[in-house]
Amino acid sequence: MRIEQNYPLDSHNTFHVPARTRWFMEYENEEDLNRILRDEYFQESRSLHIGEGSNLLFINDFNGIVLHSAIKGIVLTEDASEFVLLRVGAAERWDDVVAYAVSNGWGGVENLSRIPGETGAAAIQNIGAYGVEIKDVVETVETYNQLTFEKRIFTNEACRYSYRYSFFKENDHDPYIVTHVNIRLQKNPEYKLDYGNLKDALKDTALSLQAVRDAVTGIRRCKLPECGKLGNAGSFFMNPVISGGQFGELKEEYPKIPSYPLSDGRVKVPAGWLIEQCGLKGKKQGNVGIYDKQALIIVNYGEATGDEIATFAESIRQAVYGKFGISLVPEVRYVQ
């Protein structure tokens, strides 16, 4: 177990904003976690559990305890004729899990290549890309109740997954800390190549799991900045879902508006397209700006504070609402 006081969080958030926490605690196993949760000082303190910090924006210093998992490991727990089950520690880098699966010929997560963050946070966020979400492979999620200290295993259904959402993101129930994620992968993969740029990238390539991973990695490298070079949190806003009627009205005014119809009649519209139509792609304001290759990415070009980034993000929201009547919702979690 590791305990630090007045600990800098610059390396624990991919925006690289300068922030500190009163205490930083890192545990390496479930026994250490249980010990921390039962500690009287911890119970009386404000606390925040983080992964790699790829979905966080620290507005200022955190007056409490930041908790981080160091539980790693990828263990094959079932090897059936058509599938395998893997038990993955919450602190495993998600892209390492994808690489491991692909190298063994197990399909289901190759479209989720090069997404930053740790596996526990990935299951909480329900990460997704190129027509695939982590919910498609999650079998169960192992957790500890932060208030009762009880271990609970959530089935996929109990996680209540939907677009960028899971049960764990709600605040109206006891908080749960993810320790392991159990995923089911296929030995005879079914490829999902519906997204145009992915299909185009593979049109002259022999189809394989590695080919899909390489294509996704190549696309993301072209469109997204390296977190180590330009501070960012990936997609800052969620793609808004609007009614079919509202989309029809927008379609009349903007015939080329891209869209993804949903089964319930609603329509998902790319937030990046909306931002770009407002003329904001590449816009800079001090140390903050929109990435010039992808309008959905807000970047820290220098020594931006969390407050500067949040203020800039709000200006984007107002511009999009003023032009389209659509309210963008941040995918990034603000911490203050």
C-alpha atoms as a PDB file:
ATOM      1  CA  MET A   1       0.000   0.000   0.000  1.00  0.00           C
ATOM      2  CA  ARG A   2       1.220   3.476  -0.849  1.00  0.00           C
ATOM      3  CA  ILE A   3       0.211   6.648   1.013  1.00  0.00           C
ATOM      4  CA  GLU A   4       1.348  10.161   0.034  1.00  0.00           C
ATOM      5  CA  GLN A   5       0.454  13.582   1.466  1.00  0.00           C
ATOM      6  CA  ASN A   6      -0.035  16.802  -0.533  1.00  0.00           C
ATOM      7  CA  TYR A   7       0.381  14.712  -3.659  1.00  0.00           C
ATOM      8  CA  PRO A   8       0.553  16.264  -7.181  1.00  0.00           C
ATOM      9  CA  LEU A   9      -2.019  14.895  -9.634  1.00  0.00           C
ATOM     10  CA  ASP A  10      -0.450  16.188 -12.848  1.00  0.00           C
ATOM     11  CA  SER A  11       0.482  12.646 -13.911  1.00  0.00           C
ATOM     12  CA  HIS A  12      -2.910  11.292 -12.875  1.00  0.00           C
ATOM     13  CA  ASN A  13      -5.007  13.344 -15.295  1.00  0.00           C
ATOM     14  CA  THR A  14      -4.448  13.333 -19.040  1.00  0.00           C
ATOM     15  CA  PHE A  15      -5.211  17.058 -19.262  1.00  0.00           C
ATOM     16  CA  HIS A  16      -2.059  17.529 -17.140  1.00  0.00           C
ATOM     17  CA  VAL A  17      -3.673  20.351 -15.197  1.00  0.00           C
ATOM     18  CA  PRO A  18      -1.808  21.325 -12.022  1.00  0.00           C
ATOM     19  CA  ALA A  19      -3.749  20.023  -9.045  1.00  0.00           C
ATOM     20  CA  ARG A  20      -2.955  18.380  -5.734  1.00  0.00           C
ATOM     21  CA  THR A  21      -4.756  16.152  -3.294  1.00  0.00           C
ATOM     22  CA  ARG A  22      -4.423  16.211   0.483  1.00  0.00           C
ATOM     23  CA  TRP A  23      -3.856  12.440   0.502  1.00  0.00           C
ATOM     24  CA  PHE A  24      -3.136   9.891  -2.215  1.00  0.00           C
ATOM     25  CA  MET A  25      -3.643   6.198  -1.427  1.00  0.00           C
ATOM     26  CA  GLU A  26      -2.845   3.328  -3.777  1.00  0.00           C
ATOM     27  CA  TYR A  27      -3.715  -0.292  -2.972  1.00  0.00           C
ATOM     28  CA  GLU A  28      -2.362  -3.447  -4.609  1.00  0.00           C
ATOM     29  CA  ASN A  29      -4.999  -6.007  -3.606  1.00  0.00           C
ATOM     30  CA  GLU A  30      -8.520  -6.370  -2.249  1.00  0.00           C
ATOM     31  CA  GLU A  31      -7.277  -6.854   1.308  1.00  0.00           C
ATOM     32  CA  ASP A  32      -5.584  -3.441   1.276  1.00  0.00           C
ATOM     33  CA  LEU A  33      -8.705  -1.861  -0.214  1.00  0.00           C
ATOM     34  CA  ASN A  34     -10.854  -3.397   2.516  1.00  0.00           C
ATOM     35  CA  ARG A  35      -8.464  -2.040   5.137  1.00  0.00           C
ATOM     36  CA  ILE A  36      -8.644   1.471   3.671  1.00  0.00           C
ATOM     37  CA  LEU A  37     -12.441   1.463   3.407  1.00  0.00           C
ATOM     38  CA  ARG A  38     -12.802   0.451   7.062  1.00  0.00           C
ATOM     39  CA  ASP A  39     -10.395   3.114   8.291  1.00  0.00           C
ATOM     40  CA  GLU A  40     -12.183   5.707  10.409  1.00  0.00           C
ATOM     41  CA  TYR A  41     -10.261   8.649   8.919  1.00  0.00           C
ATOM     42  CA  PHE A  42     -11.099   7.508   5.402  1.00  0.00           C
ATOM     43  CA  GLN A  43     -14.784   7.172   6.277  1.00  0.00           C
ATOM     44  CA  GLU A  44     -14.880  10.744   7.595  1.00  0.00           C
ATOM     45  CA  SER A  45     -12.987  12.231   4.641  1.00  0.00           C
ATOM     46  CA  ARG A  46     -14.076  13.240   1.190  1.00  0.00           C
ATOM     47  CA  SER A  47     -12.739  10.695  -1.288  1.00  0.00           C
ATOM     48  CA  LEU A  48     -12.394  10.171  -5.026  1.00  0.00           C
ATOM     49  CA  HIS A  49     -11.449   6.927  -6.743  1.00  0.00           C
ATOM     50  CA  ILE A  50      -9.603   7.432 -10.029  1.00  0.00           C
ATOM     51  CA  GLY A  51      -8.183   5.320 -12.829  1.00  0.00           C
ATOM     52  CA  GLU A  52      -5.692   6.824 -15.260  1.00  0.00           C
ATOM     53  CA  GLY A  53      -7.509  10.155 -15.117  1.00  0.00           C
ATOM     54  CA  SER A  54      -8.365  10.130 -18.826  1.00  0.00           C
ATOM     55  CA  ASN A  55     -11.923  11.274 -18.160  1.00  0.00           C
ATOM     56  CA  LEU A  56     -11.337  13.821 -15.376  1.00  0.00           C
ATOM     57  CA  LEU A  57     -10.957  17.585 -15.234  1.00  0.00           C
ATOM     58  CA  PHE A  58      -9.653  18.910 -11.916  1.00  0.00           C
ATOM     59  CA  ILE A  59     -11.020  22.423 -11.519  1.00  0.00           C
ATOM     60  CA  ASN A  60      -8.857  22.984  -8.438  1.00  0.00           C
ATOM     61  CA  ASP A  61      -7.045  21.044  -5.700  1.00  0.00           C
ATOM     62  CA  PHE A  62      -8.887  18.103  -4.131  1.00  0.00           C
ATOM     63  CA  ASN A  63      -9.425  18.515  -0.409  1.00  0.00           C
ATOM     64  CA  GLY A  64      -9.644  14.865   0.533  1.00  0.00           C
ATOM     65  CA  ILE A  65      -8.319  11.423  -0.386  1.00  0.00           C
ATOM     66  CA  VAL A  66      -7.663  10.308  -3.934  1.00  0.00           C
ATOM     67  CA  LEU A  67      -7.750   6.519  -4.117  1.00  0.00           C
ATOM     68  CA  HIS A  68      -6.126   4.518  -6.898  1.00  0.00           C
ATOM     69  CA  SER A  69      -6.014   0.818  -7.700  1.00  0.00           C
ATOM     70  CA  ALA A  70      -2.806  -1.039  -8.520  1.00  0.00           C
ATOM     71  CA  ILE A  71      -4.651  -4.360  -8.961  1.00  0.00           C
ATOM     72  CA  LYS A  72      -3.335  -5.878 -12.175  1.00  0.00           C
ATOM     73  CA  GLY A  73      -3.357  -9.205 -13.964  1.00  0.00           C
ATOM     74  CA  ILE A  74      -5.098 -10.875 -16.888  1.00  0.00           C
ATOM     75  CA  VAL A  75      -6.186 -14.405 -15.987  1.00  0.00           C
ATOM     76  CA  LEU A  76      -7.872 -16.962 -18.255  1.00  0.00           C
ATOM     77  CA  THR A  77     -10.719 -18.323 -16.110  1.00  0.00           C
ATOM     78  CA  GLU A  78     -12.642 -20.315 -18.727  1.00  0.00           C
ATOM     79  CA  ASP A  79     -11.602 -21.776 -22.054  1.00  0.00           C
ATOM     80  CA  ALA A  80     -14.650 -23.096 -23.938  1.00  0.00           C
ATOM     81  CA  SER A  81     -14.983 -24.256 -27.523  1.00  0.00           C
ATOM     82  CA  GLU A  82     -16.335 -20.935 -28.805  1.00  0.00           C
ATOM     83  CA  PHE A  83     -15.262 -18.377 -26.207  1.00  0.00           C
ATOM     84  CA  VAL A  84     -12.909 -17.524 -23.360  1.00  0.00           C
ATOM     85  CA  LEU A  85     -13.437 -15.623 -20.126  1.00  0.00           C
ATOM     86  CA  LEU A  86     -10.744 -13.298 -18.831  1.00  0.00           C
ATOM     87  CA  ARG A  87     -10.546 -11.833 -15.322  1.00  0.00           C
ATOM     88  CA  VAL A  88      -8.826  -8.479 -15.633  1.00  0.00           C
ATOM     89  CA  GLY A  89      -7.503  -6.331 -12.784  1.00  0.00           C
ATOM     90  CA  ALA A  90      -8.996  -2.844 -12.666  1.00  0.00           C
ATOM     91  CA  ALA A  91      -5.577  -1.189 -12.979  1.00  0.00           C
ATOM     92  CA  GLU A  92      -4.633  -2.940 -16.224  1.00  0.00           C
ATOM     93  CA  ARG A  93      -4.264  -0.454 -19.077  1.00  0.00           C
ATOM     94  CA  TRP A  94      -7.205  -1.097 -21.362  1.00  0.00           C
ATOM     95  CA  ASP A  95      -5.171  -1.042 -24.555  1.00  0.00           C
ATOM     96  CA  ASP A  96      -2.863  -3.697 -23.093  1.00  0.00           C
ATOM     97  CA  VAL A  97      -5.928  -5.901 -22.598  1.00  0.00           C
ATOM     98  CA  VAL A  98      -6.928  -5.374 -26.233  1.00  0.00           C
ATOM     99  CA  ALA A  99      -3.407  -6.203 -27.411  1.00  0.00           C
ATOM    100  CA  TYR A 100      -3.413  -9.387 -25.296  1.00  0.00           C
ATOM    101  CA  ALA A 101      -6.780 -10.490 -26.700  1.00  0.00           C
ATOM    102  CA  VAL A 102      -5.783  -9.847 -30.308  1.00  0.00           C
ATOM    103  CA  SER A 103      -2.443 -11.641 -29.908  1.00  0.00           C
ATOM    104  CA  ASN A 104      -4.320 -14.735 -28.737  1.00  0.00           C
ATOM    105  CA  GLY A 105      -6.884 -14.600 -31.556  1.00  0.00           C
ATOM    106  CA  TRP A 106      -9.808 -13.681 -29.320  1.00  0.00           C
ATOM    107  CA  GLY A 107     -12.262 -11.210 -30.808  1.00  0.00           C
ATOM    108  CA  GLY A 108     -14.646  -8.636 -29.434  1.00  0.00           C
ATOM    109  CA  VAL A 109     -12.489  -5.695 -28.348  1.00  0.00           C
ATOM    110  CA  GLU A 110     -10.279  -4.977 -31.368  1.00  0.00           C
ATOM    111  CA  ASN A 111     -12.426  -1.957 -32.310  1.00  0.00           C
ATOM    112  CA  LEU A 112     -11.670  -0.507 -28.874  1.00  0.00           C
ATOM    113  CA  SER A 113      -7.936  -0.254 -29.550  1.00  0.00           C
ATOM    114  CA  ARG A 114      -5.903   2.718 -28.356  1.00  0.00           C
ATOM    115  CA  ILE A 115      -8.534   4.063 -25.984  1.00  0.00           C
ATOM    116  CA  PRO A 116      -6.655   5.525 -23.002  1.00  0.00           C
ATOM    117  CA  GLY A 117      -7.477   4.591 -19.429  1.00  0.00           C
ATOM    118  CA  GLU A 118      -7.608   1.605 -17.130  1.00  0.00           C
ATOM    119  CA  THR A 119      -9.938  -1.371 -17.329  1.00  0.00           C
ATOM    120  CA  GLY A 120     -11.974  -0.585 -14.223  1.00  0.00           C
ATOM    121  CA  ALA A 121     -12.741   2.916 -15.460  1.00  0.00           C
ATOM    122  CA  ALA A 122     -13.493   1.556 -18.931  1.00  0.00           C
ATOM    123  CA  ALA A 123     -16.227  -0.658 -17.480  1.00  0.00           C
ATOM    124  CA  ILE A 124     -17.666   2.240 -15.488  1.00  0.00           C
ATOM    125  CA  GLN A 125     -17.680   4.614 -18.471  1.00  0.00           C
ATOM    126  CA  ASN A 126     -18.872   1.995 -20.984  1.00  0.00           C
ATOM    127  CA  ILE A 127     -16.229   3.116 -23.450  1.00  0.00           C
ATOM    128  CA  GLY A 128     -17.071   2.726 -27.110  1.00  0.00           C
ATOM    129  CA  ALA A 129     -15.674   3.243 -30.602  1.00  0.00           C
ATOM    130  CA  TYR A 130     -16.415   2.146 -34.174  1.00  0.00           C
ATOM    131  CA  GLY A 131     -19.723   0.470 -33.366  1.00  0.00           C
ATOM    132  CA  VAL A 132     -18.510  -1.472 -30.310  1.00  0.00           C
ATOM    133  CA  GLU A 133     -18.908  -0.785 -26.583  1.00  0.00           C
ATOM    134  CA  ILE A 134     -17.269  -2.550 -23.673  1.00  0.00           C
ATOM    135  CA  LYS A 135     -20.729  -3.656 -22.538  1.00  0.00           C
ATOM    136  CA  ASP A 136     -20.709  -6.028 -25.522  1.00  0.00           C
ATOM    137  CA  VAL A 137     -18.034  -8.164 -23.836  1.00  0.00           C
ATOM    138  CA  VAL A 138     -18.518  -7.569 -20.100  1.00  0.00           C
ATOM    139  CA  GLU A 139     -19.671 -10.714 -18.329  1.00  0.00           C
ATOM    140  CA  THR A 140     -19.478  -9.470 -14.734  1.00  0.00           C
ATOM    141  CA  VAL A 141     -17.902  -6.621 -12.763  1.00  0.00           C
ATOM    142  CA  GLU A 142     -16.430  -7.302  -9.312  1.00  0.00           C
ATOM    143  CA  THR A 143     -16.782  -4.465  -6.804  1.00  0.00           C
ATOM    144  CA  TYR A 144     -16.649  -3.413  -3.171  1.00  0.00           C
ATOM    145  CA  ASN A 145     -19.351  -1.276  -1.597  1.00  0.00           C
ATOM    146  CA  GLN A 146     -17.552   1.755  -0.206  1.00  0.00           C
ATOM    147  CA  LEU A 147     -20.017   2.138   2.693  1.00  0.00           C
ATOM    148  CA  THR A 148     -20.880  -1.415   3.709  1.00  0.00           C
ATOM    149  CA  PHE A 149     -17.484  -2.922   2.692  1.00  0.00           C
ATOM    150  CA  GLU A 150     -19.307  -5.852   1.097  1.00  0.00           C
ATOM    151  CA  LYS A 151     -18.106  -7.436  -2.119  1.00  0.00           C
ATOM    152  CA  ARG A 152     -20.679  -7.548  -4.908  1.00  0.00           C
ATOM    153  CA  ILE A 153     -20.460  -9.002  -8.382  1.00  0.00           C
ATOM    154  CA  PHE A 154     -22.599  -7.176 -10.936  1.00  0.00           C
ATOM    155  CA  THR A 155     -23.927  -9.037 -13.949  1.00  0.00           C
ATOM    156  CA  ASN A 156     -23.937  -7.258 -17.289  1.00  0.00           C
ATOM    157  CA  GLU A 157     -27.650  -6.587 -16.872  1.00  0.00           C
ATOM    158  CA  ALA A 158     -27.175  -5.189 -13.366  1.00  0.00           C
ATOM    159  CA  CYS A 159     -24.628  -2.703 -14.743  1.00  0.00           C
ATOM    160  CA  ARG A 160     -27.535  -1.081 -16.694  1.00  0.00           C
ATOM    161  CA  TYR A 161     -25.303  -0.189 -19.587  1.00  0.00           C
ATOM    162  CA  SER A 162     -26.288   2.332 -22.220  1.00  0.00           C
ATOM    163  CA  TYR A 163     -24.436   4.939 -24.288  1.00  0.00           C
ATOM    164  CA  ARG A 164     -21.519   6.185 -22.118  1.00  0.00           C
ATOM    165  CA  TYR A 165     -23.444   5.159 -19.015  1.00  0.00           C
ATOM    166  CA  SER A 166     -23.486   2.500 -16.332  1.00  0.00           C
ATOM    167  CA  PHE A 167     -25.058   2.029 -12.916  1.00  0.00           C
ATOM    168  CA  PHE A 168     -21.745   3.027 -11.338  1.00  0.00           C
ATOM    169  CA  LYS A 169     -21.999   6.603 -12.626  1.00  0.00           C
ATOM    170  CA  GLU A 170     -25.155   7.348 -10.640  1.00  0.00           C
ATOM    171  CA  ASN A 171     -24.916   9.266  -7.364  1.00  0.00           C
ATOM    172  CA  ASP A 172     -28.198   8.156  -5.780  1.00  0.00           C
ATOM    173  CA  HIS A 173     -26.902   4.825  -4.441  1.00  0.00           C
ATOM    174  CA  ASP A 174     -23.945   3.548  -2.419  1.00  0.00           C
ATOM    175  CA  PRO A 175     -20.633   4.077  -4.243  1.00  0.00           C
ATOM    176  CA  TYR A 176     -18.900   0.981  -5.580  1.00  0.00           C
ATOM    177  CA  ILE A 177     -15.210   0.482  -6.354  1.00  0.00           C
ATOM    178  CA  VAL A 178     -14.360  -1.841  -9.237  1.00  0.00           C
ATOM    179  CA  THR A 179     -11.590  -4.370  -8.540  1.00  0.00           C
ATOM    180  CA  HIS A 180     -11.886  -6.758 -11.516  1.00  0.00           C
ATOM    181  CA  VAL A 181     -13.741  -6.947 -14.822  1.00  0.00           C
ATOM    182  CA  ASN A 182     -14.610 -10.308 -16.367  1.00  0.00           C
ATOM    183  CA  ILE A 183     -14.920 -10.234 -20.147  1.00  0.00           C
ATOM    184  CA  ARG A 184     -16.104 -12.807 -22.687  1.00  0.00           C
ATOM    185  CA  LEU A 185     -14.211 -12.969 -25.990  1.00  0.00           C
ATOM    186  CA  GLN A 186     -14.973 -15.018 -29.073  1.00  0.00           C
ATOM    187  CA  LYS A 187     -12.693 -17.586 -30.696  1.00  0.00           C
ATOM    188  CA  ASN A 188     -14.537 -17.105 -33.994  1.00  0.00           C
ATOM    189  CA  PRO A 189     -14.808 -13.323 -34.104  1.00  0.00           C
ATOM    190  CA  GLU A 190     -17.608 -11.438 -35.804  1.00  0.00           C
ATOM    191  CA  TYR A 191     -16.131  -8.278 -37.241  1.00  0.00           C
ATOM    192  CA  LYS A 192     -17.962  -4.956 -36.939  1.00  0.00           C
ATOM    193  CA  LEU A 193     -16.820  -2.684 -39.723  1.00  0.00           C
ATOM    194  CA  ASP A 194     -19.900  -0.528 -40.268  1.00  0.00           C
ATOM    195  CA  TYR A 195     -18.148   2.781 -39.669  1.00  0.00           C
ATOM    196  CA  GLY A 196     -17.106   4.162 -43.033  1.00  0.00           C
ATOM    197  CA  ASN A 197     -13.537   5.216 -42.280  1.00  0.00           C
ATOM    198  CA  LEU A 198     -12.780   1.826 -40.703  1.00  0.00           C
ATOM    199  CA  LYS A 199     -14.239  -0.048 -43.644  1.00  0.00           C
ATOM    200  CA  ASP A 200     -12.244   2.135 -46.034  1.00  0.00           C
ATOM    201  CA  ALA A 201      -9.025   1.567 -44.092  1.00  0.00           C
ATOM    202  CA  LEU A 202      -9.459  -2.195 -44.442  1.00  0.00           C
ATOM    203  CA  LYS A 203     -10.661  -2.426 -48.036  1.00  0.00           C
ATOM    204  CA  ASP A 204      -7.274  -3.541 -49.430  1.00  0.00           C
ATOM    205  CA  THR A 205      -6.228  -5.601 -46.394  1.00  0.00           C
ATOM    206  CA  ALA A 206      -6.720  -9.266 -45.530  1.00  0.00           C
ATOM    207  CA  LEU A 207      -9.218  -9.241 -42.659  1.00  0.00           C
ATOM    208  CA  SER A 208      -7.911 -10.310 -39.261  1.00  0.00           C
ATOM    209  CA  LEU A 209      -8.104  -9.144 -35.650  1.00  0.00           C
ATOM    210  CA  GLN A 210      -4.638  -7.613 -35.943  1.00  0.00           C
ATOM    211  CA  ALA A 211      -5.605  -5.859 -39.179  1.00  0.00           C
ATOM    212  CA  VAL A 212      -8.634  -4.290 -37.486  1.00  0.00           C
ATOM    213  CA  ARG A 213      -6.556  -3.256 -34.469  1.00  0.00           C
ATOM    214  CA  ASP A 214      -3.913  -1.727 -36.728  1.00  0.00           C
ATOM    215  CA  ALA A 215      -6.552   0.139 -38.736  1.00  0.00           C
ATOM    216  CA  VAL A 216      -8.260   1.543 -35.641  1.00  0.00           C
ATOM    217  CA  THR A 217      -4.895   2.512 -34.161  1.00  0.00           C
ATOM    218  CA  GLY A 218      -3.896   4.247 -37.377  1.00  0.00           C
ATOM    219  CA  ILE A 219      -7.147   6.205 -37.605  1.00  0.00           C
ATOM    220  CA  ARG A 220      -6.977   7.297 -33.977  1.00  0.00           C
ATOM    221  CA  ARG A 221      -3.350   8.372 -34.337  1.00  0.00           C
ATOM    222  CA  CYS A 222      -4.286  10.602 -37.258  1.00  0.00           C
ATOM    223  CA  LYS A 223      -7.301  12.140 -35.538  1.00  0.00           C
ATOM    224  CA  LEU A 224      -6.319  12.304 -31.870  1.00  0.00           C
ATOM    225  CA  PRO A 225      -3.390  13.991 -30.138  1.00  0.00           C
ATOM    226  CA  GLU A 226      -0.977  12.039 -27.959  1.00  0.00           C
ATOM    227  CA  CYS A 227      -1.909  12.660 -24.312  1.00  0.00           C
ATOM    228  CA  GLY A 228       1.775  12.896 -23.414  1.00  0.00           C
ATOM    229  CA  LYS A 229       2.335  15.737 -25.898  1.00  0.00           C
ATOM    230  CA  LEU A 230      -0.931  17.675 -25.712  1.00  0.00           C
ATOM    231  CA  GLY A 231      -3.043  17.384 -22.588  1.00  0.00           C
ATOM    232  CA  ASN A 232      -6.545  16.184 -23.441  1.00  0.00           C
ATOM    233  CA  ALA A 233      -9.247  13.776 -22.325  1.00  0.00           C
ATOM    234  CA  GLY A 234     -10.247  12.368 -25.691  1.00  0.00           C
ATOM    235  CA  SER A 235     -13.814  13.170 -26.686  1.00  0.00           C
ATOM    236  CA  PHE A 236     -14.874  16.005 -24.403  1.00  0.00           C
ATOM    237  CA  PHE A 237     -18.596  15.870 -25.214  1.00  0.00           C
ATOM    238  CA  MET A 238     -20.980  12.984 -25.720  1.00  0.00           C
ATOM    239  CA  ASN A 239     -22.717  12.689 -29.080  1.00  0.00           C
ATOM    240  CA  PRO A 240     -26.204  14.117 -28.453  1.00  0.00           C
ATOM    241  CA  VAL A 241     -29.297  12.006 -29.014  1.00  0.00           C
ATOM    242  CA  ILE A 242     -32.275  13.987 -30.305  1.00  0.00           C
ATOM    243  CA  SER A 243     -35.826  13.214 -31.332  1.00  0.00           C
ATOM    244  CA  GLY A 244     -36.646  12.132 -34.858  1.00  0.00           C
ATOM    245  CA  GLY A 245     -38.743  15.257 -35.279  1.00  0.00           C
ATOM    246  CA  GLN A 246     -35.939  17.598 -34.269  1.00  0.00           C
ATOM    247  CA  PHE A 247     -33.556  15.767 -36.568  1.00  0.00           C
ATOM    248  CA  GLY A 248     -35.995  16.089 -39.459  1.00  0.00           C
ATOM    249  CA  GLU A 249     -36.075  19.862 -38.993  1.00  0.00           C
ATOM    250  CA  LEU A 250     -32.281  20.043 -38.870  1.00  0.00           C
ATOM    251  CA  LYS A 251     -32.037  17.828 -41.958  1.00  0.00           C
ATOM    252  CA  GLU A 252     -34.081  20.309 -43.950  1.00  0.00           C
ATOM    253  CA  GLU A 253     -31.701  23.121 -43.040  1.00  0.00           C
ATOM    254  CA  TYR A 254     -28.498  21.036 -43.097  1.00  0.00           C
ATOM    255  CA  PRO A 255     -28.977  18.254 -45.689  1.00  0.00           C
ATOM    256  CA  LYS A 256     -25.474  16.832 -45.114  1.00  0.00           C
ATOM    257  CA  ILE A 257     -25.808  16.445 -41.353  1.00  0.00           C
ATOM    258  CA  PRO A 258     -24.433  12.983 -40.395  1.00  0.00           C
ATOM    259  CA  SER A 259     -26.594  10.789 -38.196  1.00  0.00           C
ATOM    260  CA  TYR A 260     -26.989   7.377 -36.568  1.00  0.00           C
ATOM    261  CA  PRO A 261     -30.662   6.334 -36.212  1.00  0.00           C
ATOM    262  CA  LEU A 262     -31.541   4.456 -33.011  1.00  0.00           C
ATOM    263  CA  SER A 263     -34.095   1.679 -32.639  1.00  0.00           C
ATOM    264  CA  ASP A 264     -36.439   3.873 -30.560  1.00  0.00           C
ATOM    265  CA  GLY A 265     -36.818   6.470 -33.303  1.00  0.00           C
ATOM    266  CA  ARG A 266     -34.330   8.926 -31.865  1.00  0.00           C
ATOM    267  CA  VAL A 267     -31.195   9.951 -33.719  1.00  0.00           C
ATOM    268  CA  LYS A 268     -27.576  10.300 -32.557  1.00  0.00           C
ATOM    269  CA  VAL A 269     -25.739  13.255 -34.085  1.00  0.00           C
ATOM    270  CA  PRO A 270     -21.928  13.612 -33.989  1.00  0.00           C
ATOM    271  CA  ALA A 271     -20.980  16.362 -31.548  1.00  0.00           C
ATOM    272  CA  GLY A 272     -17.753  16.972 -33.465  1.00  0.00           C
ATOM    273  CA  TRP A 273     -19.711  17.845 -36.610  1.00  0.00           C
ATOM    274  CA  LEU A 274     -21.896  20.310 -34.701  1.00  0.00           C
ATOM    275  CA  ILE A 275     -18.839  22.016 -33.225  1.00  0.00           C
ATOM    276  CA  GLU A 276     -17.109  22.186 -36.586  1.00  0.00           C
ATOM    277  CA  GLN A 277     -20.180  23.775 -38.208  1.00  0.00           C
ATOM    278  CA  CYS A 278     -19.897  26.550 -35.631  1.00  0.00           C
ATOM    279  CA  GLY A 279     -16.477  27.367 -37.053  1.00  0.00           C
ATOM    280  CA  LEU A 280     -14.691  26.339 -33.865  1.00  0.00           C
ATOM    281  CA  LYS A 281     -12.358  23.611 -35.105  1.00  0.00           C
ATOM    282  CA  GLY A 282      -8.801  24.711 -34.371  1.00  0.00           C
ATOM    283  CA  LYS A 283      -9.901  27.692 -32.283  1.00  0.00           C
ATOM    284  CA  LYS A 284      -7.485  28.703 -29.515  1.00  0.00           C
ATOM    285  CA  GLN A 285      -8.044  30.840 -26.463  1.00  0.00           C
ATOM    286  CA  GLY A 286      -4.948  31.342 -24.361  1.00  0.00           C
ATOM    287  CA  ASN A 287      -3.610  27.947 -23.316  1.00  0.00           C
ATOM    288  CA  VAL A 288      -6.771  26.069 -24.386  1.00  0.00           C
ATOM    289  CA  GLY A 289      -8.124  25.152 -27.786  1.00  0.00           C
ATOM    290  CA  ILE A 290      -9.946  22.707 -30.024  1.00  0.00           C
ATOM    291  CA  TYR A 291      -7.671  20.226 -31.757  1.00  0.00           C
ATOM    292  CA  ASP A 292      -7.232  21.150 -35.416  1.00  0.00           C
ATOM    293  CA  LYS A 293      -7.736  17.547 -36.603  1.00  0.00           C
ATOM    294  CA  GLN A 294     -10.781  16.657 -34.493  1.00  0.00           C
ATOM    295  CA  ALA A 295     -13.359  19.155 -33.259  1.00  0.00           C
ATOM    296  CA  LEU A 296     -14.447  16.935 -30.383  1.00  0.00           C
ATOM    297  CA  ILE A 297     -11.073  17.224 -28.639  1.00  0.00           C
ATOM    298  CA  ILE A 298     -10.250  20.079 -26.272  1.00  0.00           C
ATOM    299  CA  VAL A 299      -6.512  20.354 -25.641  1.00  0.00           C
ATOM    300  CA  ASN A 300      -4.245  21.983 -23.108  1.00  0.00           C
ATOM    301  CA  TYR A 301      -1.683  23.795 -25.251  1.00  0.00           C
ATOM    302  CA  GLY A 302       0.339  25.027 -22.289  1.00  0.00           C
ATOM    303  CA  GLU A 303      -0.240  25.546 -18.597  1.00  0.00           C
ATOM    304  CA  ALA A 304      -4.018  25.772 -18.649  1.00  0.00           C
ATOM    305  CA  THR A 305      -5.914  25.376 -15.399  1.00  0.00           C
ATOM    306  CA  GLY A 306      -8.997  23.224 -15.028  1.00  0.00           C
ATOM    307  CA  ASP A 307     -11.107  26.346 -14.666  1.00  0.00           C
ATOM    308  CA  GLU A 308      -9.808  27.732 -17.978  1.00  0.00           C
ATOM    309  CA  ILE A 309     -10.659  24.478 -19.755  1.00  0.00           C
ATOM    310  CA  ALA A 310     -14.146  24.354 -18.198  1.00  0.00           C
ATOM    311  CA  THR A 311     -14.827  27.972 -19.211  1.00  0.00           C
ATOM    312  CA  PHE A 312     -13.699  27.251 -22.772  1.00  0.00           C
ATOM    313  CA  ALA A 313     -15.899  24.141 -22.907  1.00  0.00           C
ATOM    314  CA  GLU A 314     -18.895  26.181 -21.801  1.00  0.00           C
ATOM    315  CA  SER A 315     -18.322  28.644 -24.651  1.00  0.00           C
ATOM    316  CA  ILE A 316     -18.488  25.703 -27.072  1.00  0.00           C
ATOM    317  CA  ARG A 317     -21.727  24.467 -25.518  1.00  0.00           C
ATOM    318  CA  GLN A 318     -23.297  27.907 -25.861  1.00  0.00           C
ATOM    319  CA  ALA A 319     -22.221  28.223 -29.508  1.00  0.00           C
ATOM    320  CA  VAL A 320     -23.687  24.836 -30.457  1.00  0.00           C
ATOM    321  CA  TYR A 321     -26.934  25.499 -28.604  1.00  0.00           C
ATOM    322  CA  GLY A 322     -27.257  28.917 -30.202  1.00  0.00           C
ATOM    323  CA  LYS A 323     -26.872  27.512 -33.724  1.00  0.00           C
ATOM    324  CA  PHE A 324     -28.647  24.136 -33.468  1.00  0.00           C
ATOM    325  CA  GLY A 325     -30.733  24.208 -30.276  1.00  0.00           C
ATOM    326  CA  ILE A 326     -28.848  21.132 -29.038  1.00  0.00           C
ATOM    327  CA  SER A 327     -27.300  20.983 -25.557  1.00  0.00           C
ATOM    328  CA  LEU A 328     -23.979  19.181 -25.488  1.00  0.00           C
ATOM    329  CA  VAL A 329     -23.237  17.161 -22.355  1.00  0.00           C
ATOM    330  CA  PRO A 330     -19.605  16.772 -21.235  1.00  0.00           C
ATOM    331  CA  GLU A 331     -18.314  13.221 -21.205  1.00  0.00           C
ATOM    332  CA  VAL A 332     -15.522  14.477 -18.974  1.00  0.00           C
ATOM    333  CA  ARG A 333     -16.182  14.533 -15.234  1.00  0.00           C
ATOM    334  CA  TYR A 334     -15.482  17.819 -13.477  1.00  0.00           C
ATOM    335  CA  VAL A 335     -13.817  17.501 -10.034  1.00  0.00           C
ATOM    336  CA  GLN A 336     -13.699  20.453  -7.651  1.00  0.00           C
END
